[in-house]
Amino acid sequence: MDFRPPRPRLDLPALFLRANAVLMYAFLYAPIAVLIAFSFSGSRYSALWGGFSTRWYEKLFTNAEIRSALLTTLALAAASTLLSTLLGTLAALGLARLAHRLRRWFETFFYFPVILPDIVMAIALLMFFRTFLPDSLGLPAMIAGHVAFNLCYVAVIVSASLKGFNPALEEAALDLGASPWRAFLRVKLPLIWPGILGGALLAAALSLDEFVIAFFVSAPGTSTLPIHIYGLLKKGVTPEINALASLMLAVSILLACLSLLLQKRNS
């Protein structure tokens, strides 16, 4: 008798799915890998390898226009993230107190900015500021536009954190003599804090990368990094653009990963 173990069967569906996953990730990330690789090229041509060099990264920090655009981008991201986090958290806390059917309707409206094309929101904001607040175009209008865009993301993430919160904990603190404000600060806020911070990090990442809204409501002297890159592209793609785009990509990926880790920790 033959006691040899049977040969494992070739699972063609599983093999096909694995190959499809590899091709999908290659399609998504191969262009990004090429961009990062050529940002370290010593050649002055963007698509020609000229040996490993960090000259283009060094050149970024000596460019006055890039420093100005960077400061504008950081100021815009900081202000819009702070306001989006505050307003989004308050909106999520208010929604949590509504009746289930009413809350479901209001939660639906928070998804509209996500579904709505950026160009539609940008045109609407431009018309609004041109009509009612023409002197606010520039950084104030850019901050307001980013807050309107990022607010829904923060509200959705904080709402997800509140769904895992046990209201009996806050009620117990109130029964033990704590004021509503003290019960919120000592009981509720620490438990939903990872969700709030995750929403803030996501809002910061989206604000750093956002181009369409900022481009429409910007003014002379308020160019962000994405707008500055767009201006440079009119002269052709250079290794300096590759380096700048790679740095922005690295910061965005870092913020997005931190946001996902905090959301996972809070789930």
Protein backbone atom coordinates (compact mmCIF):
# COMPACT_ATOMS: atom_id res chain seq x y z
CA MET A 1 0.00 0.00 0.00
CA ASP A 2 1.10 3.48 -0.81
CA PHE A 3 1.13 5.66 2.36
CA ARG A 4 2.56 8.71 0.71
CA PRO A 5 0.53 11.87 1.47
CA PRO A 6 -1.56 13.09 -1.42
CA ARG A 7 -0.21 15.95 -3.44
CA PRO A 8 -1.82 19.28 -2.62
CA ARG A 9 -4.20 20.42 -5.28
CA LEU A 10 -3.43 23.58 -7.18
CA ASP A 11 -5.95 26.13 -5.99
CA LEU A 12 -6.36 28.18 -9.18
CA PRO A 13 -8.94 30.67 -7.80
CA ALA A 14 -6.71 31.54 -4.84
CA LEU A 15 -3.67 31.81 -7.13
CA PHE A 16 -5.58 34.11 -9.46
CA LEU A 17 -6.70 36.34 -6.58
CA ARG A 18 -3.14 36.63 -5.27
CA ALA A 19 -1.80 37.52 -8.70
CA ASN A 20 -4.59 40.07 -9.12
CA ALA A 21 -3.73 41.64 -5.75
CA VAL A 22 -0.04 41.89 -6.70
CA LEU A 23 -0.88 43.52 -10.04
CA MET A 24 -3.32 45.92 -8.37
CA TYR A 25 -0.75 47.11 -5.83
CA ALA A 26 1.89 47.39 -8.54
CA PHE A 27 -0.46 49.51 -10.64
CA LEU A 28 -1.17 51.79 -7.68
CA TYR A 29 2.30 52.19 -6.22
CA ALA A 30 4.76 51.64 -9.08
CA PRO A 31 4.37 55.25 -10.36
CA ILE A 32 4.93 56.55 -6.81
CA ALA A 33 8.05 54.41 -6.47
CA VAL A 34 9.38 55.77 -9.77
CA LEU A 35 8.70 59.35 -8.62
CA ILE A 36 10.60 58.82 -5.36
CA ALA A 37 13.49 57.05 -7.11
CA PHE A 38 14.02 59.84 -9.66
CA SER A 39 13.85 62.48 -6.93
CA PHE A 40 17.29 61.16 -5.92
CA SER A 41 18.69 61.39 -9.44
CA GLY A 42 21.65 63.69 -10.01
CA SER A 43 20.51 64.55 -13.52
CA ARG A 44 18.77 67.85 -14.23
CA TYR A 45 16.23 65.97 -16.33
CA SER A 46 13.28 64.50 -14.44
CA ALA A 47 13.15 61.15 -16.27
CA LEU A 48 16.88 60.52 -16.75
CA TRP A 49 18.90 58.74 -14.09
CA GLY A 50 22.16 60.55 -13.36
CA GLY A 51 23.42 58.73 -10.30
CA PHE A 52 22.32 58.96 -6.69
CA SER A 53 22.21 62.49 -5.33
CA THR A 54 20.32 64.56 -2.76
CA ARG A 55 20.98 67.87 -4.53
CA TRP A 56 17.31 68.47 -5.32
CA TYR A 57 16.28 68.06 -1.68
CA GLU A 58 19.02 70.46 -0.64
CA LYS A 59 17.84 72.93 -3.28
CA LEU A 60 14.31 72.88 -1.86
CA PHE A 61 15.42 74.38 1.45
CA THR A 62 17.23 77.26 -0.27
CA ASN A 63 14.28 78.25 -2.48
CA ALA A 64 12.50 81.31 -1.08
CA GLU A 65 9.30 80.68 -3.05
CA ILE A 66 9.03 77.12 -1.73
CA ARG A 67 9.64 78.31 1.84
CA SER A 68 6.85 80.88 1.46
CA ALA A 69 4.47 78.28 0.01
CA LEU A 70 5.41 75.86 2.80
CA LEU A 71 4.64 78.42 5.52
CA THR A 72 1.28 79.18 3.89
CA THR A 73 0.49 75.46 3.64
CA LEU A 74 1.39 74.82 7.28
CA ALA A 75 -0.63 77.82 8.49
CA LEU A 76 -3.60 76.73 6.40
CA ALA A 77 -3.37 73.12 7.61
CA ALA A 78 -2.97 74.12 11.27
CA ALA A 79 -5.90 76.57 11.29
CA SER A 80 -8.26 74.37 9.28
CA THR A 81 -7.38 71.26 11.30
CA LEU A 82 -8.01 73.03 14.61
CA LEU A 83 -11.36 74.45 13.50
CA SER A 84 -12.44 71.24 11.73
CA THR A 85 -11.63 69.14 14.79
CA LEU A 86 -13.47 71.47 17.16
CA LEU A 87 -16.58 71.89 15.01
CA GLY A 88 -16.61 68.26 13.86
CA THR A 89 -16.37 66.97 17.44
CA LEU A 90 -19.16 69.28 18.61
CA ALA A 91 -21.31 68.19 15.67
CA ALA A 92 -20.73 64.51 16.47
CA LEU A 93 -21.58 65.08 20.15
CA GLY A 94 -24.77 66.87 19.16
CA LEU A 95 -25.78 64.12 16.74
CA ALA A 96 -25.26 61.48 19.42
CA ARG A 97 -28.04 63.09 21.48
CA LEU A 98 -30.62 63.04 18.71
CA ALA A 99 -33.22 60.36 18.17
CA HIS A 100 -32.08 57.45 16.01
CA ARG A 101 -34.19 58.30 12.94
CA LEU A 102 -33.38 62.01 13.06
CA ARG A 103 -29.69 61.29 13.66
CA ARG A 104 -29.56 59.04 10.60
CA TRP A 105 -30.86 61.85 8.39
CA PHE A 106 -28.37 64.38 9.74
CA GLU A 107 -25.48 61.92 9.42
CA THR A 108 -26.36 61.53 5.74
CA PHE A 109 -25.71 65.24 5.15
CA PHE A 110 -22.16 64.86 6.44
CA TYR A 111 -21.36 62.59 3.49
CA PHE A 112 -22.33 65.21 0.90
CA PRO A 113 -18.94 67.03 0.89
CA VAL A 114 -17.27 63.63 0.39
CA ILE A 115 -19.51 62.73 -2.56
CA LEU A 116 -19.64 66.24 -4.02
CA PRO A 117 -16.89 66.89 -6.63
CA ASP A 118 -14.20 69.27 -5.40
CA ILE A 119 -14.67 71.54 -8.39
CA VAL A 120 -18.36 72.08 -7.52
CA MET A 121 -17.55 73.02 -3.93
CA ALA A 122 -14.70 75.26 -5.09
CA ILE A 123 -16.93 77.17 -7.52
CA ALA A 124 -19.66 77.51 -4.88
CA LEU A 125 -17.19 78.89 -2.33
CA LEU A 126 -15.70 81.28 -4.89
CA MET A 127 -19.15 82.65 -5.79
CA PHE A 128 -20.04 83.01 -2.10
CA PHE A 129 -16.89 84.93 -1.20
CA ARG A 130 -17.00 87.04 -4.36
CA THR A 131 -20.60 88.04 -3.61
CA PHE A 132 -20.60 88.54 0.16
CA LEU A 133 -16.95 88.70 1.35
CA PRO A 134 -14.78 89.84 -1.57
CA ASP A 135 -12.01 91.11 0.72
CA SER A 136 -11.58 87.73 2.42
CA LEU A 137 -10.20 85.90 -0.61
CA GLY A 138 -6.83 84.43 0.17
CA LEU A 139 -5.88 82.68 3.39
CA PRO A 140 -9.18 83.35 5.26
CA ALA A 141 -11.25 81.96 2.39
CA MET A 142 -8.87 79.00 2.01
CA ILE A 143 -9.22 78.19 5.71
CA ALA A 144 -13.03 78.40 5.50
CA GLY A 145 -13.05 76.17 2.41
CA HIS A 146 -10.83 73.54 4.02
CA VAL A 147 -12.93 73.59 7.19
CA ALA A 148 -16.08 72.99 5.14
CA PHE A 149 -14.34 70.11 3.38
CA ASN A 150 -12.67 68.47 6.41
CA LEU A 151 -15.50 68.98 8.90
CA CYS A 152 -17.47 65.99 7.64
CA TYR A 153 -14.50 63.61 7.95
CA VAL A 154 -13.89 64.57 11.58
CA ALA A 155 -17.59 64.30 12.42
CA VAL A 156 -17.88 60.83 10.88
CA ILE A 157 -14.78 59.50 12.69
CA VAL A 158 -15.79 60.95 16.08
CA SER A 159 -19.34 59.61 15.59
CA ALA A 160 -17.87 56.14 15.10
CA SER A 161 -15.97 56.55 18.39
CA LEU A 162 -19.13 57.64 20.20
CA LYS A 163 -20.98 54.54 19.01
CA GLY A 164 -18.56 52.43 21.04
CA PHE A 165 -18.96 54.59 24.15
CA ASN A 166 -21.09 53.21 26.98
CA PRO A 167 -23.40 56.01 28.23
CA ALA A 168 -23.71 54.23 31.59
CA LEU A 169 -20.16 55.37 32.44
CA GLU A 170 -21.09 59.03 32.15
CA GLU A 171 -24.34 58.47 34.01
CA ALA A 172 -22.45 56.77 36.84
CA ALA A 173 -20.13 59.78 37.13
CA LEU A 174 -23.16 62.08 37.34
CA ASP A 175 -24.75 59.90 40.01
CA LEU A 176 -21.54 60.12 42.03
CA GLY A 177 -21.77 63.91 42.14
CA ALA A 178 -19.72 65.02 39.15
CA SER A 179 -20.99 67.99 37.15
CA PRO A 180 -21.87 67.38 33.47
CA TRP A 181 -18.74 69.26 32.36
CA ARG A 182 -16.50 67.33 34.79
CA ALA A 183 -18.05 64.01 33.75
CA PHE A 184 -17.36 64.85 30.12
CA LEU A 185 -13.74 65.84 30.75
CA ARG A 186 -12.88 62.96 33.09
CA VAL A 187 -14.93 60.10 31.60
CA LYS A 188 -16.16 60.70 28.08
CA LEU A 189 -13.35 62.74 26.51
CA PRO A 190 -10.48 60.33 27.41
CA LEU A 191 -12.40 57.42 25.87
CA ILE A 192 -13.18 59.16 22.57
CA TRP A 193 -9.89 61.07 22.41
CA PRO A 194 -8.21 58.61 19.98
CA GLY A 195 -11.08 59.15 17.54
CA ILE A 196 -10.79 62.94 17.85
CA LEU A 197 -7.04 62.82 17.30
CA GLY A 198 -7.48 60.42 14.38
CA GLY A 199 -9.95 62.79 12.75
CA ALA A 200 -7.57 65.71 13.30
CA LEU A 201 -4.67 63.86 11.67
CA LEU A 202 -6.82 62.92 8.69
CA ALA A 203 -8.00 66.53 8.35
CA ALA A 204 -4.37 67.71 8.42
CA ALA A 205 -3.38 65.21 5.72
CA LEU A 206 -6.30 66.25 3.51
CA SER A 207 -5.55 69.94 4.01
CA LEU A 208 -1.89 69.54 3.08
CA ASP A 209 -2.79 67.82 -0.21
CA GLU A 210 -5.93 69.77 -1.20
CA PHE A 211 -5.53 71.79 -4.40
CA VAL A 212 -8.83 72.61 -6.14
CA ILE A 213 -10.57 74.60 -3.37
CA ALA A 214 -7.38 76.43 -2.39
CA PHE A 215 -6.66 77.29 -6.04
CA PHE A 216 -10.09 78.83 -6.65
CA VAL A 217 -10.25 81.00 -3.52
CA SER A 218 -6.56 81.90 -3.29
CA ALA A 219 -5.13 85.38 -3.80
CA PRO A 220 -1.71 86.66 -4.88
CA GLY A 221 0.84 85.85 -2.21
CA THR A 222 -1.11 82.93 -0.71
CA SER A 223 0.22 80.08 -2.82
CA THR A 224 0.28 76.66 -1.13
CA LEU A 225 2.66 73.86 -2.06
CA PRO A 226 0.17 72.07 -4.37
CA ILE A 227 -0.55 75.40 -6.12
CA HIS A 228 3.19 76.10 -6.36
CA ILE A 229 3.80 72.67 -7.89
CA TYR A 230 1.04 73.35 -10.42
CA GLY A 231 2.78 76.58 -11.38
CA LEU A 232 6.12 74.81 -11.77
CA LEU A 233 4.57 72.16 -14.01
CA LYS A 234 3.82 74.81 -16.63
CA LYS A 235 7.59 75.08 -17.16
CA GLY A 236 8.02 71.30 -17.32
CA VAL A 237 8.63 68.53 -14.81
CA THR A 238 11.99 68.87 -13.07
CA PRO A 239 13.72 66.71 -10.42
CA GLU A 240 12.98 69.51 -7.93
CA ILE A 241 9.26 68.85 -8.41
CA ASN A 242 9.91 65.12 -7.87
CA ALA A 243 11.65 65.88 -4.57
CA LEU A 244 8.91 68.26 -3.39
CA ALA A 245 6.15 65.81 -4.33
CA SER A 246 8.00 62.97 -2.55
CA LEU A 247 8.24 64.97 0.68
CA MET A 248 4.55 65.87 0.56
CA LEU A 249 3.72 62.23 -0.12
CA ALA A 250 5.77 61.05 2.85
CA VAL A 251 4.09 63.51 5.24
CA SER A 252 0.61 62.63 3.96
CA ILE A 253 1.23 58.88 4.31
CA LEU A 254 2.58 59.36 7.83
CA LEU A 255 -0.46 61.37 8.95
CA ALA A 256 -2.89 58.94 7.32
CA CYS A 257 -1.19 55.92 8.95
CA LEU A 258 -1.26 57.59 12.38
CA SER A 259 -4.96 58.36 11.90
CA LEU A 260 -5.72 54.73 10.98
CA LEU A 261 -3.73 53.43 13.97
CA LEU A 262 -5.61 55.68 16.36
CA GLN A 263 -8.97 54.69 14.88
CA LYS A 264 -8.01 51.01 15.18
CA ARG A 265 -6.94 51.53 18.76
CA ASN A 266 -10.27 53.18 19.56
CA SER A 267 -12.37 50.46 17.87
